[in-house]
Amino acid sequence: MKKALIVWGGWLGHQPEEVAAIFKGVLEQEGFEVEVSNTLAAFDDAPKLKSLDLIIPIWTMDEISQERVNNVSAAVQSGVGLAGCHGGMCDAFRNNVDWQFMTGGNWVAHPGNDGTPHRINIVNTSSTLMEGIQDFDVSTEQYYLHVDPAVEVLATTRFPVADGPHTLNKAVDMPVVWTKRWGVGRVFYCSLGHQANIIELPPVKEIMRRGFMWVAEGKSKLEGSKLEGAYTGMQDSQV
């Protein structure tokens, strides 16, 4: 049985407890053993984190100790999957660039705020994660992110929609769903999920389910893969 850890907290406007309950239900239907925690102390036990198949952070706009980031990072580098959505993963800890490097991006704005109608465009890639999912429209926050160019983009949304200082720039396709690798671990992110009602939308819920399954499969596909210790090249960000 695969093991998952969901850690929720931070800014309560994102309904982290409700979103955690949805994700727990999704994973249990897939046969996971799921632990849910509402404290960042869940990241203190480094050996336990490495024993997992999947870590899901749902924690917005807070601070985290470097040791806890290091523990999660080392677990993912060793093969544990990391998956999340919206601000719960990519606006979790604005003061920690190591977290941002690992997750693949960070929120910087949502022009128009909540209730902005926009389209999610599925990208044609070699990945089968979005197979069968069609472009769809949502009315929610449209996330503008600063994104790691190494990610594989699976869905985008086009800016500008709402007015702002960005509107005189050319139109840009902003990543909404992406994957990346961190060490030999898999990382998955979806910028949708402002509140539980958005997670419950059928295409969003299915995208998240597929992302969870994909990252959690990473450990079983590590035959011949090897990482000599955890990455230690980030000390300048830890002073």
Protein backbone atom coordinates (compact mmCIF):
# COMPACT_ATOMS: atom_id res chain seq x y z
CA MET A 1 0.00 0.00 0.00
CA LYS A 2 1.38 3.39 -1.01
CA LYS A 3 1.72 5.99 1.75
CA ALA A 4 0.83 9.68 1.45
CA LEU A 5 1.24 12.61 3.82
CA ILE A 6 -1.00 15.67 3.50
CA VAL A 7 0.11 18.72 5.49
CA TRP A 8 -2.35 21.62 5.65
CA GLY A 9 -2.33 25.05 7.26
CA GLY A 10 -1.20 28.63 6.73
CA TRP A 11 -3.69 31.17 5.39
CA LEU A 12 -7.18 29.78 5.94
CA GLY A 13 -8.72 31.72 3.03
CA HIS A 14 -7.66 28.86 0.76
CA GLN A 15 -9.74 26.42 2.82
CA PRO A 16 -6.76 24.08 3.38
CA GLU A 17 -8.62 21.74 5.72
CA GLU A 18 -11.47 21.27 3.25
CA VAL A 19 -9.05 20.76 0.35
CA ALA A 20 -7.08 18.24 2.43
CA ALA A 21 -10.28 16.26 3.00
CA ILE A 22 -10.97 16.15 -0.75
CA PHE A 23 -7.44 14.98 -1.53
CA LYS A 24 -7.60 12.38 1.24
CA GLY A 25 -10.77 10.97 -0.31
CA VAL A 26 -9.21 10.87 -3.77
CA LEU A 27 -6.15 9.01 -2.49
CA GLU A 28 -8.10 6.53 -0.37
CA GLN A 29 -10.17 5.62 -3.41
CA GLU A 30 -6.86 4.78 -5.10
CA GLY A 31 -5.83 2.54 -2.19
CA PHE A 32 -3.40 4.88 -0.42
CA GLU A 33 -2.75 4.91 3.30
CA VAL A 34 -3.15 8.62 4.06
CA GLU A 35 -1.90 10.64 7.04
CA VAL A 36 -3.22 14.19 7.43
CA SER A 37 -1.41 16.73 9.61
CA ASN A 38 -2.09 20.39 10.40
CA THR A 39 1.41 21.17 11.66
CA LEU A 40 4.72 21.73 9.86
CA ALA A 41 6.26 19.51 12.54
CA ALA A 42 5.18 16.71 10.19
CA PHE A 43 8.32 17.62 8.23
CA ASP A 44 10.66 17.04 11.20
CA ASP A 45 11.06 13.27 10.81
CA ALA A 46 13.44 12.93 7.86
CA PRO A 47 13.56 9.10 7.75
CA LYS A 48 9.75 8.92 7.86
CA LEU A 49 9.45 11.36 4.96
CA LYS A 50 11.77 9.18 2.88
CA SER A 51 9.57 6.16 3.58
CA LEU A 52 6.57 7.83 1.91
CA ASP A 53 5.45 7.68 -1.71
CA LEU A 54 3.78 11.08 -1.81
CA ILE A 55 3.88 14.41 0.05
CA ILE A 56 1.10 16.96 -0.51
CA PRO A 57 1.62 20.43 1.01
CA ILE A 58 -1.50 22.63 1.36
CA TRP A 59 0.06 25.54 3.22
CA THR A 60 -0.14 29.17 2.06
CA MET A 61 1.78 32.33 3.04
CA ASP A 62 3.79 31.26 6.05
CA GLU A 63 7.36 30.74 7.19
CA ILE A 64 9.23 27.47 7.49
CA SER A 65 12.53 26.47 9.03
CA GLN A 66 15.39 25.61 6.72
CA GLU A 67 15.71 22.21 8.38
CA ARG A 68 12.15 21.30 7.45
CA VAL A 69 12.67 22.38 3.85
CA ASN A 70 15.86 20.35 3.75
CA ASN A 71 14.01 17.28 5.03
CA VAL A 72 11.29 17.52 2.37
CA SER A 73 13.86 18.29 -0.32
CA ALA A 74 16.00 15.27 0.59
CA ALA A 75 12.94 13.01 0.57
CA VAL A 76 11.89 14.17 -2.89
CA GLN A 77 15.46 13.93 -4.17
CA SER A 78 15.45 10.29 -3.02
CA GLY A 79 12.31 9.45 -5.01
CA VAL A 80 9.31 10.54 -2.93
CA GLY A 81 6.68 12.35 -5.01
CA LEU A 82 5.68 15.96 -4.31
CA ALA A 83 2.35 17.31 -5.59
CA GLY A 84 0.14 20.27 -4.83
CA CYS A 85 -1.93 23.13 -6.12
CA HIS A 86 -2.49 26.87 -6.08
CA GLY A 87 -0.93 28.83 -3.19
CA GLY A 88 -0.77 25.72 -1.06
CA MET A 89 2.41 24.65 -2.83
CA CYS A 90 3.66 27.60 -4.91
CA ASP A 91 2.89 30.42 -2.50
CA ALA A 92 3.67 28.42 0.61
CA PHE A 93 6.89 30.01 1.87
CA ARG A 94 7.78 33.24 0.12
CA ASN A 95 10.98 33.65 2.12
CA ASN A 96 12.48 30.30 1.09
CA VAL A 97 13.96 30.11 -2.39
CA ASP A 98 14.96 26.47 -1.90
CA TRP A 99 11.27 25.56 -1.65
CA GLN A 100 10.58 27.57 -4.79
CA PHE A 101 13.45 25.89 -6.67
CA MET A 102 12.10 22.46 -5.72
CA THR A 103 8.46 23.17 -6.59
CA GLY A 104 9.17 24.90 -9.90
CA GLY A 105 7.67 28.35 -9.42
CA ASN A 106 6.12 30.95 -7.17
CA TRP A 107 2.96 33.07 -7.28
CA VAL A 108 3.41 36.80 -7.86
CA ALA A 109 -0.11 38.08 -8.75
CA HIS A 110 -3.68 37.23 -9.73
CA PRO A 111 -4.92 40.21 -11.79
CA GLY A 112 -8.68 40.56 -11.46
CA ASN A 113 -8.64 38.59 -8.19
CA ASP A 114 -11.21 35.86 -7.54
CA GLY A 115 -14.00 35.34 -10.07
CA THR A 116 -11.89 36.15 -13.14
CA PRO A 117 -13.22 34.13 -16.11
CA HIS A 118 -10.43 32.53 -18.11
CA ARG A 119 -9.68 29.47 -20.20
CA ILE A 120 -7.34 26.59 -19.37
CA ASN A 121 -5.60 25.33 -22.50
CA ILE A 122 -4.23 21.80 -22.55
CA VAL A 123 -0.78 21.58 -24.10
CA ASN A 124 0.10 18.84 -26.56
CA THR A 125 3.21 17.14 -25.12
CA SER A 126 4.74 13.69 -24.95
CA SER A 127 3.19 13.29 -21.48
CA THR A 128 -0.01 11.25 -21.23
CA LEU A 129 -1.07 12.92 -17.96
CA MET A 130 -3.63 15.20 -19.65
CA GLU A 131 -4.82 12.69 -22.24
CA GLY A 132 -8.55 13.01 -22.90
CA ILE A 133 -8.92 16.27 -20.96
CA GLN A 134 -10.20 19.11 -23.13
CA ASP A 135 -9.67 22.86 -22.77
CA PHE A 136 -12.07 24.24 -20.17
CA ASP A 137 -13.24 27.55 -18.71
CA VAL A 138 -13.09 28.57 -15.06
CA SER A 139 -14.04 31.64 -13.05
CA THR A 140 -11.51 31.96 -10.27
CA GLU A 141 -8.10 33.49 -9.60
CA GLN A 142 -5.87 33.47 -12.67
CA TYR A 143 -2.40 32.86 -11.29
CA TYR A 144 0.58 34.79 -12.66
CA LEU A 145 3.71 32.91 -11.58
CA HIS A 146 7.47 33.13 -11.96
CA VAL A 147 8.27 29.70 -13.35
CA ASP A 148 11.34 27.47 -13.61
CA PRO A 149 12.14 27.12 -17.34
CA ALA A 150 12.99 23.46 -16.71
CA VAL A 151 9.38 22.44 -16.01
CA GLU A 152 7.33 20.47 -18.55
CA VAL A 153 4.20 22.54 -19.11
CA LEU A 154 0.98 20.52 -19.49
CA ALA A 155 -1.62 23.33 -19.45
CA THR A 156 -1.57 27.13 -19.79
CA THR A 157 -3.79 30.21 -19.52
CA ARG A 158 -3.40 33.39 -21.56
CA PHE A 159 -2.72 36.81 -20.04
CA PRO A 160 -3.87 39.53 -20.04
CA VAL A 161 -7.52 39.07 -19.13
CA ALA A 162 -7.93 41.60 -16.33
CA ASP A 163 -6.35 45.06 -16.42
CA GLY A 164 -3.11 45.78 -14.61
CA PRO A 165 0.45 47.04 -15.14
CA HIS A 166 1.15 43.91 -17.20
CA THR A 167 -1.45 44.62 -19.89
CA LEU A 168 0.79 46.66 -22.21
CA ASN A 169 3.15 43.72 -22.54
CA LYS A 170 2.52 41.19 -25.31
CA ALA A 171 0.11 38.34 -24.61
CA VAL A 172 1.75 35.50 -22.67
CA ASP A 173 0.76 31.91 -22.06
CA MET A 174 1.26 31.26 -18.36
CA PRO A 175 1.84 27.68 -17.15
CA VAL A 176 -1.06 26.29 -15.11
CA VAL A 177 -0.06 22.62 -14.81
CA TRP A 178 3.51 21.35 -14.87
CA THR A 179 5.83 18.54 -13.90
CA LYS A 180 9.52 18.54 -13.08
CA ARG A 181 12.16 16.38 -11.43
CA TRP A 182 13.94 17.07 -8.17
CA GLY A 183 16.75 14.60 -7.80
CA VAL A 184 15.11 11.34 -8.82
CA GLY A 185 11.76 12.41 -7.38
CA ARG A 186 8.78 13.64 -9.36
CA VAL A 187 7.07 17.00 -8.80
CA PHE A 188 3.56 17.97 -9.98
CA TYR A 189 1.79 21.33 -9.70
CA CYS A 190 -1.56 22.84 -10.73
CA SER A 191 -2.21 26.54 -10.11
CA LEU A 192 -5.99 26.06 -9.87
CA GLY A 193 -7.55 25.45 -6.46
CA HIS A 194 -8.31 28.77 -4.76
CA GLN A 195 -10.93 27.05 -2.65
CA ALA A 196 -12.55 23.63 -2.32
CA ASN A 197 -15.28 24.35 -4.89
CA ILE A 198 -12.62 24.78 -7.60
CA ILE A 199 -10.91 21.52 -6.62
CA GLU A 200 -14.30 19.79 -6.93
CA LEU A 201 -14.68 20.82 -10.59
CA PRO A 202 -14.45 17.53 -12.54
CA PRO A 203 -11.47 18.45 -14.79
CA VAL A 204 -9.54 19.96 -11.86
CA LYS A 205 -10.16 17.01 -9.56
CA GLU A 206 -9.14 14.60 -12.31
CA ILE A 207 -5.98 16.57 -13.07
CA MET A 208 -5.01 16.44 -9.40
CA ARG A 209 -5.77 12.70 -9.16
CA ARG A 210 -3.55 11.98 -12.14
CA GLY A 211 -0.79 14.16 -10.74
CA PHE A 212 -0.88 12.35 -7.40
CA MET A 213 -0.72 8.97 -9.09
CA TRP A 214 2.12 10.00 -11.40
CA VAL A 215 4.42 11.36 -8.71
CA ALA A 216 3.69 8.44 -6.37
CA GLU A 217 4.78 5.99 -9.06
CA GLY A 218 8.25 7.52 -9.12
CA LYS A 219 9.80 5.25 -6.50
CA SER A 220 8.78 2.09 -8.35
CA LYS A 221 10.53 3.31 -11.51
CA LEU A 222 13.92 4.02 -9.97
CA GLU A 223 15.63 0.84 -11.13
CA GLY A 224 19.15 1.82 -12.10
CA SER A 225 18.63 5.42 -10.96
CA LYS A 226 20.90 6.74 -8.30
CA LEU A 227 21.53 9.98 -6.46
CA GLU A 228 24.67 10.31 -4.39
CA GLY A 229 23.39 12.15 -1.33
CA ALA A 230 21.12 15.18 -1.12
CA TYR A 231 21.87 18.39 -3.02
CA THR A 232 24.05 20.77 -1.03
CA GLY A 233 24.55 23.63 -3.51
CA MET A 234 22.06 26.05 -1.98
CA GLN A 235 23.97 27.36 1.04
CA ASP A 236 23.97 30.98 -0.17
CA SER A 237 20.17 30.98 0.25
CA GLN A 238 20.43 29.63 3.76
CA VAL A 239 22.47 32.38 5.44
